[in-house]
């Protein structure tokens, strides 16, 4: 048993009619929106998060909180995961986007909104703006993958490709917002967006049967952690609140430490690959968060693989970052109740396929054998028979007659074979050697421990 529900999954029911008309909602929210507009550094409170929860109720999934039993046994702690990857757009981002959209004035709704994003925020804004009858324009960098562009368009938004970088796309989006009178919906540095993301914390706290010792939340621009920390610190102050960032983009930790921001060029956790964290979010995180853990992409890759194999959860890199933090220091969390947020599941199919295959290679469930043998008829058949009789499944064979250093009368064969794991791989290699075939297992790594 991999997933043990600790909260009931409330089926999403997108309300066709609101209990209030949009006009009534605008009247109620107008004073709040006006107050926030007076100060860009307006800092949301628990009251704002609770109001956001009421505002978006029934329009986003009340996602389940589940126990990760296998991974808990392995890590030596009790892991609970909030599955935001089950949202309509497969990401938590729609919570903040919806909370922002619900508070627009009628004039702002009529004019439309604009956002800059190459990923989850774009889809959240597009989906809920279309639902609410608000025209949405999404600006994306010119090299944004076609699948992301197509998915955003499918939610009803107009997509404009502009600029080579996110910075250039953002500048263009702000200029267009000013010129066309559109409301700019920031992906993280906005009080309404932050409050919307904080609703995740309220749901988690309500679902818990005992307090958490630690809550681990991914950080990109900081909107998710800012919102959750705002609610959690008020409702459960004894929980350690910890952020996690990729080693390629440790920008929030660097900013809070007063260091120059130095980042890489790419990360598996692209959803948190942010070079410039928010101004508001850095203030909130600096005040409310206990620590930020930095994890390498290799551990994030392992976490994505382990969630797939041991919990049957599809997570993007950012969504697996919390588990990667636990894997990076299991002693620190030993015996504790630890909450994670699987914040998204939008991962490219090809990338995900390669990641799973690489995981199988590391676990020696796929091995590559190099065998030198006489270049004569029947030699390959003999090897195939030995591997087959030993229970291996050959999936690829490549001859090397020219590019090797063996005798011209010999050939080198690379064979890729499926196995049941390390012990079975050793059995196949031993059987081949016993039959007189000189064999070398390539790319052999010590198998990473998992939650078996």
Protein backbone atom coordinates (compact mmCIF):
# COMPACT_ATOMS: atom_id res chain seq x y z
CA UNK A 1 0.00 0.00 0.00
CA UNK A 2 1.69 3.16 -1.18
CA UNK A 3 -0.78 5.97 -0.64
CA UNK A 4 -2.85 6.17 2.53
CA UNK A 5 -5.36 8.99 2.35
CA UNK A 6 -5.48 11.17 5.41
CA UNK A 7 -8.04 13.56 3.99
CA UNK A 8 -11.06 13.03 1.82
CA UNK A 9 -10.68 14.02 -1.84
CA UNK A 10 -13.39 16.56 -2.46
CA UNK A 11 -14.37 16.28 -6.14
CA UNK A 12 -13.96 19.55 -7.99
CA UNK A 13 -17.22 21.12 -8.94
CA UNK A 14 -16.76 24.20 -11.04
CA UNK A 15 -19.68 26.38 -10.13
CA UNK A 16 -21.73 27.51 -13.07
CA UNK A 17 -23.49 30.11 -10.92
CA UNK A 18 -21.92 31.97 -8.01
CA UNK A 19 -23.91 32.41 -4.81
CA UNK A 20 -23.28 36.10 -5.39
CA UNK A 21 -23.34 37.91 -8.69
CA UNK A 22 -20.05 39.21 -10.02
CA UNK A 23 -21.26 42.72 -9.31
CA UNK A 24 -21.75 41.93 -5.61
CA UNK A 25 -18.31 40.32 -5.45
CA UNK A 26 -16.74 43.40 -7.03
CA UNK A 27 -18.44 45.68 -4.49
CA UNK A 28 -17.22 43.59 -1.56
CA UNK A 29 -13.68 43.28 -2.85
CA UNK A 30 -13.31 46.82 -4.20
CA UNK A 31 -12.24 48.38 -0.90
CA UNK A 32 -9.64 45.66 -0.34
CA UNK A 33 -8.30 45.96 -3.87
CA UNK A 34 -8.09 49.74 -3.54
CA UNK A 35 -6.20 49.51 -0.26
CA UNK A 36 -3.70 47.11 -1.73
CA UNK A 37 -3.23 49.24 -4.80
CA UNK A 38 -2.04 52.11 -2.57
CA UNK A 39 0.97 50.15 -1.42
CA UNK A 40 2.90 47.72 -3.60
CA UNK A 41 4.45 46.25 -0.48
CA UNK A 42 1.08 45.35 1.08
CA UNK A 43 1.75 42.22 3.06
CA UNK A 44 -1.04 39.62 3.20
CA UNK A 45 -2.18 38.33 6.57
CA UNK A 46 -3.94 35.20 7.79
CA UNK A 47 -7.21 37.08 7.28
CA UNK A 48 -6.34 37.58 3.60
CA UNK A 49 -5.54 33.88 3.19
CA UNK A 50 -8.80 32.85 4.85
CA UNK A 51 -10.72 35.27 2.65
CA UNK A 52 -8.98 33.81 -0.40
CA UNK A 53 -10.02 30.31 0.68
CA UNK A 54 -13.67 31.36 0.80
CA UNK A 55 -13.36 33.21 -2.48
CA UNK A 56 -11.93 30.33 -4.53
CA UNK A 57 -13.82 27.51 -2.79
CA UNK A 58 -15.46 25.14 -5.26
CA UNK A 59 -13.47 26.52 -8.19
CA UNK A 60 -10.21 24.69 -7.53
CA UNK A 61 -9.61 21.18 -6.28
CA UNK A 62 -9.41 20.72 -2.52
CA UNK A 63 -6.41 18.50 -3.17
CA UNK A 64 -5.77 15.41 -1.04
CA UNK A 65 -3.12 15.07 1.64
CA UNK A 66 -1.66 11.57 1.50
CA UNK A 67 0.89 9.53 3.42
CA UNK A 68 3.88 8.29 1.42
CA UNK A 69 4.30 5.01 3.24
CA UNK A 70 7.12 3.38 1.27
CA UNK A 71 9.20 6.53 1.14
CA UNK A 72 8.46 7.19 4.80
CA UNK A 73 9.87 3.80 5.77
CA UNK A 74 13.01 4.44 3.77
CA UNK A 75 13.60 8.02 4.91
CA UNK A 76 12.92 7.19 8.54
CA UNK A 77 10.26 9.84 8.93
CA UNK A 78 6.52 10.18 8.35
CA UNK A 79 6.02 11.91 4.99
CA UNK A 80 2.72 13.58 4.10
CA UNK A 81 2.25 15.08 0.65
CA UNK A 82 -0.28 17.64 -0.59
CA UNK A 83 -1.05 16.70 -4.21
CA UNK A 84 -1.39 19.99 -6.05
CA UNK A 85 -0.37 18.19 -9.24
CA UNK A 86 -4.01 17.04 -9.41
CA UNK A 87 -5.34 20.54 -10.10
CA UNK A 88 -7.01 21.18 -13.47
CA UNK A 89 -3.83 22.77 -14.79
CA UNK A 90 -1.64 20.29 -12.85
CA UNK A 91 -0.21 23.03 -10.65
CA UNK A 92 -0.91 25.06 -7.51
CA UNK A 93 -0.51 28.27 -9.54
CA UNK A 94 -4.19 28.54 -10.38
CA UNK A 95 -5.05 29.25 -6.74
CA UNK A 96 -3.23 32.57 -6.68
CA UNK A 97 -4.27 33.48 -10.20
CA UNK A 98 -7.94 32.86 -9.41
CA UNK A 99 -7.82 34.84 -6.17
CA UNK A 100 -6.37 37.78 -8.09
CA UNK A 101 -8.91 37.55 -10.91
CA UNK A 102 -11.86 37.31 -8.50
CA UNK A 103 -10.98 40.72 -7.02
CA UNK A 104 -10.79 42.72 -10.24
CA UNK A 105 -13.21 45.59 -10.66
CA UNK A 106 -15.78 45.35 -13.43
CA UNK A 107 -13.74 47.83 -15.46
CA UNK A 108 -10.62 45.71 -15.04
CA UNK A 109 -12.51 42.57 -16.04
CA UNK A 110 -13.82 44.27 -19.14
CA UNK A 111 -10.35 45.50 -20.14
CA UNK A 112 -8.71 42.10 -19.64
CA UNK A 113 -5.54 40.81 -18.01
CA UNK A 114 -2.01 40.06 -19.11
CA UNK A 115 0.64 37.79 -17.60
CA UNK A 116 4.15 36.71 -18.40
CA UNK A 117 4.99 33.06 -17.94
CA UNK A 118 6.46 30.14 -19.82
CA UNK A 119 4.76 27.55 -17.65
CA UNK A 120 2.26 26.90 -14.89
CA UNK A 121 1.26 30.49 -14.11
CA UNK A 122 0.34 31.04 -17.76
CA UNK A 123 -2.03 28.10 -17.73
CA UNK A 124 -3.58 29.05 -14.40
CA UNK A 125 -4.35 32.59 -15.56
CA UNK A 126 -5.58 31.41 -18.97
CA UNK A 127 -7.89 28.76 -17.57
CA UNK A 128 -9.60 30.79 -14.88
CA UNK A 129 -9.74 34.02 -16.87
CA UNK A 130 -11.60 32.18 -19.60
CA UNK A 131 -13.94 30.62 -17.04
CA UNK A 132 -14.76 34.05 -15.65
CA UNK A 133 -15.24 35.64 -19.07
CA UNK A 134 -12.07 37.74 -18.83
CA UNK A 135 -9.87 38.17 -21.88
CA UNK A 136 -6.35 36.95 -21.10
CA UNK A 137 -3.11 37.67 -22.92
CA UNK A 138 -0.04 35.60 -22.06
CA UNK A 139 3.44 36.70 -23.09
CA UNK A 140 5.99 33.92 -23.47
CA UNK A 141 9.65 33.94 -24.57
CA UNK A 142 10.14 33.05 -28.21
CA UNK A 143 11.82 29.73 -27.43
CA UNK A 144 8.99 28.44 -25.20
CA UNK A 145 8.31 24.76 -26.08
CA UNK A 146 5.40 24.32 -28.47
CA UNK A 147 3.54 22.03 -26.06
CA UNK A 148 3.36 24.79 -23.43
CA UNK A 149 2.21 27.32 -26.00
CA UNK A 150 -0.46 24.96 -27.33
CA UNK A 151 -1.71 24.05 -23.85
CA UNK A 152 -2.00 27.70 -22.83
CA UNK A 153 -3.91 28.50 -26.01
CA UNK A 154 -6.19 25.55 -25.36
CA UNK A 155 -7.34 27.24 -22.14
CA UNK A 156 -8.54 30.20 -24.17
CA UNK A 157 -5.74 32.77 -23.88
CA UNK A 158 -4.11 34.83 -26.59
CA UNK A 159 -0.41 33.95 -26.61
CA UNK A 160 2.27 36.39 -27.74
CA UNK A 161 5.82 35.13 -28.21
CA UNK A 162 8.30 37.92 -27.51
CA UNK A 163 11.90 38.18 -26.41
CA UNK A 164 14.71 35.71 -25.90
CA UNK A 165 14.52 35.75 -22.10
CA UNK A 166 11.92 35.92 -19.34
CA UNK A 167 13.17 39.41 -18.49
CA UNK A 168 12.52 40.66 -22.00
CA UNK A 169 9.10 38.99 -22.07
CA UNK A 170 8.22 40.56 -18.72
CA UNK A 171 9.21 44.05 -19.86
CA UNK A 172 7.10 43.68 -22.98
CA UNK A 173 4.11 42.42 -20.97
CA UNK A 174 4.27 45.38 -18.60
CA UNK A 175 4.56 47.83 -21.50
CA UNK A 176 1.57 46.25 -23.20
CA UNK A 177 -0.41 46.32 -19.95
CA UNK A 178 0.25 50.03 -19.62
CA UNK A 179 -0.51 50.79 -23.27
CA UNK A 180 -3.72 48.72 -23.47
CA UNK A 181 -5.05 49.30 -19.96
CA UNK A 182 -4.68 45.63 -18.97
CA UNK A 183 -4.19 44.33 -15.43
CA UNK A 184 -0.82 42.65 -15.02
CA UNK A 185 -1.05 39.42 -13.03
CA UNK A 186 2.33 38.76 -11.47
CA UNK A 187 3.29 35.11 -10.95
CA UNK A 188 4.47 35.56 -7.34
CA UNK A 189 5.18 39.10 -6.16
CA UNK A 190 1.57 40.11 -5.54
CA UNK A 191 -0.36 40.08 -2.26
CA UNK A 192 -3.49 38.55 -3.78
CA UNK A 193 -1.52 35.84 -5.54
CA UNK A 194 0.41 35.07 -2.35
CA UNK A 195 -2.81 34.84 -0.32
CA UNK A 196 -4.27 32.44 -2.88
CA UNK A 197 -1.27 30.13 -2.63
CA UNK A 198 -1.56 30.24 1.16
CA UNK A 199 -4.89 28.41 0.99
CA UNK A 200 -2.89 25.20 0.56
CA UNK A 201 -1.64 25.58 4.13
CA UNK A 202 -5.14 26.00 5.52
CA UNK A 203 -6.28 22.80 3.81
CA UNK A 204 -3.26 20.87 5.07
CA UNK A 205 -3.70 22.02 8.66
CA UNK A 206 -7.39 21.10 8.62
CA UNK A 207 -6.57 17.62 7.29
CA UNK A 208 -3.86 16.78 9.82
CA UNK A 209 -4.59 14.48 12.75
CA UNK A 210 -1.42 15.66 14.51
CA UNK A 211 0.91 18.65 14.05
CA UNK A 212 3.83 18.56 11.64
CA UNK A 213 7.39 18.85 12.88
CA UNK A 214 8.53 20.30 9.57
CA UNK A 215 6.97 21.73 6.42
CA UNK A 216 9.13 21.79 3.29
CA UNK A 217 8.05 23.99 0.37
CA UNK A 218 9.79 24.71 -2.96
CA UNK A 219 10.94 28.27 -3.68
CA UNK A 220 11.10 29.91 -7.08
CA UNK A 221 9.96 33.51 -6.86
CA UNK A 222 8.66 32.77 -3.38
CA UNK A 223 4.89 33.17 -3.74
CA UNK A 224 3.97 29.65 -2.62
CA UNK A 225 6.19 29.61 0.46
CA UNK A 226 5.24 33.20 1.40
CA UNK A 227 1.53 32.38 1.36
CA UNK A 228 1.88 29.08 3.17
CA UNK A 229 4.27 30.49 5.78
CA UNK A 230 1.87 33.38 6.46
CA UNK A 231 -0.95 30.97 7.27
CA UNK A 232 1.11 28.25 8.92
CA UNK A 233 3.05 30.51 11.26
CA UNK A 234 -0.25 31.94 12.52
CA UNK A 235 -2.05 28.60 12.91
CA UNK A 236 0.77 26.23 13.89
CA UNK A 237 3.75 28.29 15.10
CA UNK A 238 5.79 25.35 16.38
CA UNK A 239 6.29 23.76 12.95
CA UNK A 240 9.69 24.32 11.35
CA UNK A 241 9.07 25.98 7.99
CA UNK A 242 11.76 25.15 5.44
CA UNK A 243 12.21 26.24 1.85
CA UNK A 244 14.04 24.28 -0.83
CA UNK A 245 15.80 25.48 -3.95
CA UNK A 246 17.75 23.89 -6.77
CA UNK A 247 21.53 24.30 -6.54
CA UNK A 248 21.33 25.80 -10.03
CA UNK A 249 19.02 28.61 -8.85
CA UNK A 250 19.61 29.36 -5.15
CA UNK A 251 18.58 32.99 -5.64
CA UNK A 252 16.32 33.43 -2.59
CA UNK A 253 18.90 32.04 -0.19
CA UNK A 254 21.60 34.20 -1.74
CA UNK A 255 19.45 37.35 -1.53
CA UNK A 256 18.54 36.75 2.10
CA UNK A 257 22.20 36.13 2.93
CA UNK A 258 23.18 39.43 1.30
CA UNK A 259 25.16 37.64 -1.40
CA UNK A 260 25.34 38.32 -5.12
CA UNK A 261 22.89 36.16 -7.04
CA UNK A 262 24.76 33.57 -9.09
CA UNK A 263 22.69 30.99 -10.95
CA UNK A 264 23.08 28.33 -13.59
CA UNK A 265 21.46 28.33 -17.00
CA UNK A 266 18.96 25.49 -16.57
CA UNK A 267 17.54 23.02 -14.08
CA UNK A 268 15.32 19.96 -14.04
CA UNK A 269 13.22 21.96 -11.57
CA UNK A 270 12.38 24.60 -14.16
CA UNK A 271 9.31 25.69 -12.19
CA UNK A 272 11.58 27.13 -9.49
CA UNK A 273 14.39 28.24 -11.79
CA UNK A 274 14.01 31.93 -10.91
CA UNK A 275 16.96 34.31 -11.03
CA UNK A 276 15.25 37.25 -9.31
CA UNK A 277 12.98 36.44 -6.36
CA UNK A 278 10.17 38.81 -5.48
CA UNK A 279 10.65 41.93 -3.37
CA UNK A 280 7.61 41.22 -1.21
CA UNK A 281 8.23 37.49 -1.01
CA UNK A 282 11.80 37.89 0.19
CA UNK A 283 10.57 40.03 3.09
CA UNK A 284 7.98 37.45 4.13
CA UNK A 285 10.30 34.49 3.78
CA UNK A 286 13.08 36.31 5.60
CA UNK A 287 10.76 36.90 8.55
CA UNK A 288 8.83 33.63 8.73
CA UNK A 289 10.97 30.81 7.30
CA UNK A 290 13.47 28.91 9.46
CA UNK A 291 15.82 27.59 6.79
CA UNK A 292 16.37 27.09 3.06
CA UNK A 293 17.87 23.81 1.85
CA UNK A 294 19.78 23.71 -1.44
CA UNK A 295 19.63 20.43 -3.39
CA UNK A 296 21.48 19.34 -6.55
CA UNK A 297 19.59 18.44 -9.70
CA UNK A 298 20.72 14.83 -9.30
CA UNK A 299 18.73 14.48 -6.08
CA UNK A 300 15.72 16.16 -7.67
CA UNK A 301 15.91 13.61 -10.48
CA UNK A 302 16.04 10.78 -7.95
CA UNK A 303 13.06 12.28 -6.11
CA UNK A 304 10.98 12.44 -9.31
CA UNK A 305 11.88 8.80 -9.98
CA UNK A 306 11.11 7.66 -6.43
CA UNK A 307 7.74 9.43 -6.41
CA UNK A 308 6.88 7.64 -9.64
CA UNK A 309 8.09 4.20 -8.67
CA UNK A 310 7.31 4.14 -4.96
CA UNK A 311 4.22 6.36 -4.70
CA UNK A 312 2.84 6.32 -8.27
CA UNK A 313 2.87 10.13 -8.29
CA UNK A 314 3.82 12.11 -11.39
CA UNK A 315 5.75 15.19 -10.28
CA UNK A 316 7.70 17.78 -12.20
CA UNK A 317 11.14 18.71 -10.90
CA UNK A 318 9.86 21.55 -8.71
CA UNK A 319 7.15 19.28 -7.33
CA UNK A 320 9.75 16.73 -6.21
CA UNK A 321 12.11 19.27 -4.64
CA UNK A 322 10.66 18.81 -1.15
CA UNK A 323 11.38 15.09 -1.20
CA UNK A 324 14.86 15.84 -2.56
CA UNK A 325 15.45 18.00 0.53
CA UNK A 326 14.59 15.05 2.79
CA UNK A 327 16.80 12.71 0.76
CA UNK A 328 19.67 15.19 1.11
CA UNK A 329 19.71 14.90 4.92
CA UNK A 330 17.66 12.01 6.25
CA UNK A 331 19.25 12.20 9.69
CA UNK A 332 17.89 15.71 10.17
CA UNK A 333 14.28 14.58 9.69
CA UNK A 334 14.53 11.16 11.32
CA UNK A 335 11.41 10.29 13.29
CA UNK A 336 9.62 13.51 12.37
CA UNK A 337 6.30 14.24 10.71
CA UNK A 338 7.21 16.11 7.54
CA UNK A 339 4.82 17.83 5.14
CA UNK A 340 5.62 18.19 1.45
CA UNK A 341 3.84 19.99 -1.38
CA UNK A 342 3.83 18.25 -4.76
CA UNK A 343 3.32 21.65 -6.34
CA UNK A 344 3.09 20.55 -9.97
CA UNK A 345 3.05 17.64 -12.40
CA UNK A 346 3.72 19.38 -15.71
CA UNK A 347 6.76 17.52 -16.96
CA UNK A 348 7.63 16.99 -20.62
CA UNK A 349 6.76 13.47 -21.80
CA UNK A 350 10.12 12.84 -23.46
CA UNK A 351 12.04 14.20 -20.48
CA UNK A 352 9.97 12.10 -18.09
CA UNK A 353 10.52 8.99 -20.18
CA UNK A 354 14.28 9.53 -20.25
CA UNK A 355 14.32 10.19 -16.52
CA UNK A 356 12.51 6.95 -15.75
CA UNK A 357 14.85 4.99 -18.02
CA UNK A 358 17.89 6.60 -16.38
CA UNK A 359 16.44 5.61 -13.04
CA UNK A 360 16.13 2.03 -14.20
CA UNK A 361 19.77 2.12 -15.32
CA UNK A 362 20.85 3.37 -11.88
CA UNK A 363 18.81 0.58 -10.28
CA UNK A 364 20.39 -1.93 -12.70
CA UNK A 365 16.99 -2.84 -14.06
CA UNK A 366 18.48 -1.99 -17.45
CA UNK A 367 22.12 -2.92 -18.01
CA UNK A 368 24.56 -2.65 -20.90
CA UNK A 369 26.96 -5.52 -21.47
CA UNK A 370 30.02 -5.44 -23.76
CA UNK A 371 31.11 -8.82 -25.04
CA UNK A 372 34.00 -9.71 -27.34
CA UNK A 373 33.51 -12.85 -29.42
CA UNK A 374 34.66 -14.48 -32.69
CA UNK A 375 33.04 -12.89 -35.75
CA UNK A 376 31.37 -16.00 -37.06
CA UNK A 377 27.81 -17.23 -37.63
CA UNK A 378 25.96 -18.42 -34.53
CA UNK A 379 28.00 -16.47 -31.98
CA UNK A 380 25.27 -13.92 -31.27
CA UNK A 381 22.65 -16.64 -31.10
CA UNK A 382 24.64 -18.43 -28.42
CA UNK A 383 24.85 -15.28 -26.30
CA UNK A 384 21.14 -14.58 -26.74
CA UNK A 385 20.33 -18.06 -25.58
CA UNK A 386 22.44 -17.72 -22.43
CA UNK A 387 20.87 -14.35 -21.54
CA UNK A 388 17.36 -15.60 -22.29
CA UNK A 389 17.80 -18.74 -20.24
CA UNK A 390 19.01 -16.57 -17.34
CA UNK A 391 15.78 -14.53 -17.49
CA UNK A 392 17.15 -11.41 -19.16
CA UNK A 393 15.27 -9.56 -21.91
CA UNK A 394 17.46 -8.17 -24.71
CA UNK A 395 16.16 -4.80 -25.92
CA UNK A 396 19.04 -3.58 -28.07
CA UNK A 397 22.12 -5.04 -29.82
CA UNK A 398 24.94 -3.11 -31.49
CA UNK A 399 27.93 -4.62 -33.31
CA UNK A 400 31.32 -2.87 -33.30
CA UNK A 401 33.48 -4.40 -36.03
CA UNK A 402 35.43 -1.29 -37.00
CA UNK A 403 35.75 0.92 -33.92
CA UNK A 404 37.51 -1.41 -31.50
CA UNK A 405 40.97 -2.66 -30.66
CA UNK A 406 40.31 -6.40 -30.78
CA UNK A 407 41.48 -8.82 -33.46
CA UNK A 408 40.10 -8.27 -36.95
CA UNK A 409 38.61 -11.76 -36.65
CA UNK A 410 36.63 -10.73 -33.59
CA UNK A 411 33.79 -8.30 -32.94
CA UNK A 412 32.55 -6.36 -29.97
CA UNK A 413 28.85 -6.49 -29.19
CA UNK A 414 27.03 -4.10 -26.87
CA UNK A 415 23.82 -5.61 -25.53
CA UNK A 416 21.19 -3.70 -23.55
CA UNK A 417 19.18 -6.04 -21.35
CA UNK A 418 16.30 -5.68 -18.90
CA UNK A 419 16.77 -7.36 -15.52
CA UNK A 420 14.91 -7.67 -12.24
CA UNK A 421 17.58 -5.67 -10.42
CA UNK A 422 21.22 -5.79 -9.23
CA UNK A 423 21.24 -9.42 -8.06
CA UNK A 424 19.70 -10.60 -11.33
CA UNK A 425 22.20 -8.50 -13.31
CA UNK A 426 25.07 -10.17 -11.45
CA UNK A 427 23.52 -13.56 -12.17
CA UNK A 428 23.38 -12.86 -15.93
CA UNK A 429 26.98 -11.62 -16.01
CA UNK A 430 28.16 -14.63 -14.00
CA UNK A 431 26.35 -17.06 -16.31
CA UNK A 432 27.93 -15.49 -19.41
CA UNK A 433 31.37 -15.70 -17.84
CA UNK A 434 30.79 -19.31 -16.86
CA UNK A 435 29.97 -20.06 -20.50
CA UNK A 436 33.30 -18.60 -21.58
CA UNK A 437 32.17 -15.21 -22.86
CA UNK A 438 34.38 -12.26 -21.79
CA UNK A 439 31.81 -9.71 -20.60
CA UNK A 440 32.02 -6.22 -19.14
CA UNK A 441 29.07 -4.40 -17.54
CA UNK A 442 29.16 -0.75 -18.60
CA UNK A 443 27.95 2.32 -16.66
CA UNK A 444 27.51 0.34 -13.49
CA UNK A 445 26.57 2.50 -10.52
CA UNK A 446 25.88 1.53 -6.97
CA UNK A 447 22.08 1.40 -6.91
CA UNK A 448 20.45 4.37 -5.14
CA UNK A 449 18.43 3.34 -2.13
CA UNK A 450 14.71 3.65 -2.56
CA UNK A 451 11.57 3.26 -0.56
CA UNK A 452 11.18 -0.46 -1.15
